[in-house]
């Protein structure tokens, strides 16, 4: 059971790192830590069928607490935004046909 509790503790540690990163405004670091925690919890879920009832009781309670913290932290992560809201402009040099130097006809996709 020690290895199962270690997995739950590892997930909890990653959630703690995410919470700290959110306090510092490091949203990408928080996302990374939350992703690692999700992967660790998934590893615990995969091992669930092989656990004894006693292991399930202990590990399940630990994992539930970690998942609650993970969900709360994830809700605090702002969504990613595009750097600009405008319509992309075509770059004539990049779109030019190497042989002719002309831009492709509209709708041909380059």
C-alpha atoms as a PDB file:
ATOM      1  CA  UNK A   1       0.000   0.000   0.000  1.00  0.00           C
ATOM      2  CA  UNK A   2       2.984   2.307   0.466  1.00  0.00           C
ATOM      3  CA  UNK A   3       3.438   2.752  -3.281  1.00  0.00           C
ATOM      4  CA  UNK A   4      -0.251   3.637  -3.653  1.00  0.00           C
ATOM      5  CA  UNK A   5      -0.061   6.250  -0.916  1.00  0.00           C
ATOM      6  CA  UNK A   6       3.119   7.595  -2.476  1.00  0.00           C
ATOM      7  CA  UNK A   7       1.239   8.105  -5.748  1.00  0.00           C
ATOM      8  CA  UNK A   8      -1.522   9.969  -3.913  1.00  0.00           C
ATOM      9  CA  UNK A   9       1.110  12.062  -2.121  1.00  0.00           C
ATOM     10  CA  UNK A  10       2.871  12.813  -5.419  1.00  0.00           C
ATOM     11  CA  UNK A  11      -0.403  14.020  -6.906  1.00  0.00           C
ATOM     12  CA  UNK A  12      -1.005  16.162  -3.823  1.00  0.00           C
ATOM     13  CA  UNK A  13       2.478  17.629  -4.113  1.00  0.00           C
ATOM     14  CA  UNK A  14       1.845  18.586  -7.741  1.00  0.00           C
ATOM     15  CA  UNK A  15      -1.420  20.250  -6.738  1.00  0.00           C
ATOM     16  CA  UNK A  16       0.479  22.197  -4.065  1.00  0.00           C
ATOM     17  CA  UNK A  17       2.984  23.310  -6.705  1.00  0.00           C
ATOM     18  CA  UNK A  18       0.092  24.420  -8.912  1.00  0.00           C
ATOM     19  CA  UNK A  19      -1.482  26.374  -6.051  1.00  0.00           C
ATOM     20  CA  UNK A  20       1.834  28.134  -5.375  1.00  0.00           C
ATOM     21  CA  UNK A  21       2.285  28.893  -9.069  1.00  0.00           C
ATOM     22  CA  UNK A  22      -1.198  30.407  -9.213  1.00  0.00           C
ATOM     23  CA  UNK A  23      -0.368  32.660  -6.263  1.00  0.00           C
ATOM     24  CA  UNK A  24       2.670  33.878  -8.215  1.00  0.00           C
ATOM     25  CA  UNK A  25       0.701  34.323 -11.444  1.00  0.00           C
ATOM     26  CA  UNK A  26       2.676  31.564 -13.176  1.00  0.00           C
ATOM     27  CA  UNK A  27      -0.308  30.058 -14.978  1.00  0.00           C
ATOM     28  CA  UNK A  28       1.683  27.866 -17.381  1.00  0.00           C
ATOM     29  CA  UNK A  29       3.583  26.300 -14.479  1.00  0.00           C
ATOM     30  CA  UNK A  30       0.278  25.728 -12.701  1.00  0.00           C
ATOM     31  CA  UNK A  31      -1.172  24.021 -15.782  1.00  0.00           C
ATOM     32  CA  UNK A  32       1.882  21.762 -16.025  1.00  0.00           C
ATOM     33  CA  UNK A  33       1.670  20.783 -12.357  1.00  0.00           C
ATOM     34  CA  UNK A  34      -2.067  20.095 -12.650  1.00  0.00           C
ATOM     35  CA  UNK A  35      -1.440  17.934 -15.719  1.00  0.00           C
ATOM     36  CA  UNK A  36       1.128  15.894 -13.765  1.00  0.00           C
ATOM     37  CA  UNK A  37      -1.339  15.487 -10.891  1.00  0.00           C
ATOM     38  CA  UNK A  38      -4.029  14.293 -13.301  1.00  0.00           C
ATOM     39  CA  UNK A  39      -1.618  11.730 -14.775  1.00  0.00           C
ATOM     40  CA  UNK A  40      -0.739  10.451 -11.299  1.00  0.00           C
ATOM     41  CA  UNK A  41      -4.392  10.159 -10.314  1.00  0.00           C
ATOM     42  CA  UNK A  42      -5.016   8.288 -13.574  1.00  0.00           C
ATOM     43  CA  UNK A  43      -2.265   5.842 -12.605  1.00  0.00           C
ATOM     44  CA  UNK A  44      -4.040   5.275  -9.288  1.00  0.00           C
ATOM     45  CA  UNK A  45      -7.334   4.689 -11.111  1.00  0.00           C
ATOM     46  CA  UNK A  46      -5.687   2.058 -13.285  1.00  0.00           C
ATOM     47  CA  UNK A  47      -4.575   0.183 -10.177  1.00  0.00           C
ATOM     48  CA  UNK A  48      -7.997   0.435  -8.482  1.00  0.00           C
ATOM     49  CA  UNK A  49      -9.276  -2.997  -9.625  1.00  0.00           C
ATOM     50  CA  UNK A  50      -6.262  -4.708  -8.038  1.00  0.00           C
ATOM     51  CA  UNK A  51      -6.607  -2.960  -4.659  1.00  0.00           C
ATOM     52  CA  UNK A  52      -7.988  -4.665  -1.586  1.00  0.00           C
ATOM     53  CA  UNK A  53     -11.027  -3.138   0.118  1.00  0.00           C
ATOM     54  CA  UNK A  54      -8.769  -1.723   2.850  1.00  0.00           C
ATOM     55  CA  UNK A  55      -6.463  -0.144   0.274  1.00  0.00           C
ATOM     56  CA  UNK A  56      -9.432   1.306  -1.575  1.00  0.00           C
ATOM     57  CA  UNK A  57     -10.744   2.897   1.609  1.00  0.00           C
ATOM     58  CA  UNK A  58      -7.466   4.614   2.439  1.00  0.00           C
ATOM     59  CA  UNK A  59      -6.301   5.476  -1.080  1.00  0.00           C
ATOM     60  CA  UNK A  60      -9.771   6.477  -2.217  1.00  0.00           C
ATOM     61  CA  UNK A  61     -10.117   9.008   0.603  1.00  0.00           C
ATOM     62  CA  UNK A  62      -6.667  10.460  -0.112  1.00  0.00           C
ATOM     63  CA  UNK A  63      -7.266  10.651  -3.837  1.00  0.00           C
ATOM     64  CA  UNK A  64     -10.684  12.268  -3.323  1.00  0.00           C
ATOM     65  CA  UNK A  65      -9.128  15.025  -1.220  1.00  0.00           C
ATOM     66  CA  UNK A  66      -6.400  15.597  -3.812  1.00  0.00           C
ATOM     67  CA  UNK A  67      -8.962  15.661  -6.624  1.00  0.00           C
ATOM     68  CA  UNK A  68     -11.000  18.279  -4.775  1.00  0.00           C
ATOM     69  CA  UNK A  69      -7.950  20.520  -4.432  1.00  0.00           C
ATOM     70  CA  UNK A  70      -7.002  19.870  -8.054  1.00  0.00           C
ATOM     71  CA  UNK A  71     -10.458  20.891  -9.285  1.00  0.00           C
ATOM     72  CA  UNK A  72     -10.391  24.060  -7.159  1.00  0.00           C
ATOM     73  CA  UNK A  73      -6.943  24.997  -8.482  1.00  0.00           C
ATOM     74  CA  UNK A  74      -7.922  24.226 -12.077  1.00  0.00           C
ATOM     75  CA  UNK A  75     -10.908  26.556 -11.742  1.00  0.00           C
ATOM     76  CA  UNK A  76      -8.500  29.373 -10.845  1.00  0.00           C
ATOM     77  CA  UNK A  77      -6.363  28.927 -13.977  1.00  0.00           C
ATOM     78  CA  UNK A  78      -7.392  31.541 -16.542  1.00  0.00           C
ATOM     79  CA  UNK A  79      -8.101  30.322 -20.063  1.00  0.00           C
ATOM     80  CA  UNK A  80      -5.407  30.840 -22.660  1.00  0.00           C
ATOM     81  CA  UNK A  81      -5.942  33.797 -24.932  1.00  0.00           C
ATOM     82  CA  UNK A  82      -4.699  34.587 -28.399  1.00  0.00           C
ATOM     83  CA  UNK A  83      -2.042  37.259 -28.575  1.00  0.00           C
ATOM     84  CA  UNK A  84      -4.164  39.291 -30.941  1.00  0.00           C
ATOM     85  CA  UNK A  85      -7.808  39.453 -31.802  1.00  0.00           C
ATOM     86  CA  UNK A  86      -7.370  40.683 -35.380  1.00  0.00           C
ATOM     87  CA  UNK A  87      -7.608  38.839 -38.644  1.00  0.00           C
ATOM     88  CA  UNK A  88      -4.285  37.430 -39.829  1.00  0.00           C
ATOM     89  CA  UNK A  89      -2.810  39.246 -42.779  1.00  0.00           C
ATOM     90  CA  UNK A  90      -1.234  37.433 -45.704  1.00  0.00           C
ATOM     91  CA  UNK A  91       2.490  37.934 -46.144  1.00  0.00           C
ATOM     92  CA  UNK A  92       3.056  38.263 -49.906  1.00  0.00           C
ATOM     93  CA  UNK A  93       6.674  37.069 -49.668  1.00  0.00           C
ATOM     94  CA  UNK A  94       5.779  33.967 -47.678  1.00  0.00           C
ATOM     95  CA  UNK A  95       2.857  33.089 -49.918  1.00  0.00           C
ATOM     96  CA  UNK A  96       4.730  33.622 -53.183  1.00  0.00           C
ATOM     97  CA  UNK A  97       5.260  30.698 -55.531  1.00  0.00           C
ATOM     98  CA  UNK A  98       9.022  30.024 -55.532  1.00  0.00           C
ATOM     99  CA  UNK A  99       9.096  29.538 -59.305  1.00  0.00           C
ATOM    100  CA  UNK A 100       7.020  32.533 -60.396  1.00  0.00           C
ATOM    101  CA  UNK A 101       7.293  34.860 -57.394  1.00  0.00           C
ATOM    102  CA  UNK A 102       3.538  35.427 -57.565  1.00  0.00           C
ATOM    103  CA  UNK A 103       0.964  34.897 -54.842  1.00  0.00           C
ATOM    104  CA  UNK A 104      -1.323  31.895 -55.403  1.00  0.00           C
ATOM    105  CA  UNK A 105      -4.855  32.540 -56.605  1.00  0.00           C
ATOM    106  CA  UNK A 106      -7.436  33.141 -53.883  1.00  0.00           C
ATOM    107  CA  UNK A 107      -8.918  29.945 -52.472  1.00  0.00           C
ATOM    108  CA  UNK A 108      -6.082  27.621 -53.559  1.00  0.00           C
ATOM    109  CA  UNK A 109      -4.583  27.443 -50.060  1.00  0.00           C
ATOM    110  CA  UNK A 110      -1.013  28.038 -51.151  1.00  0.00           C
END
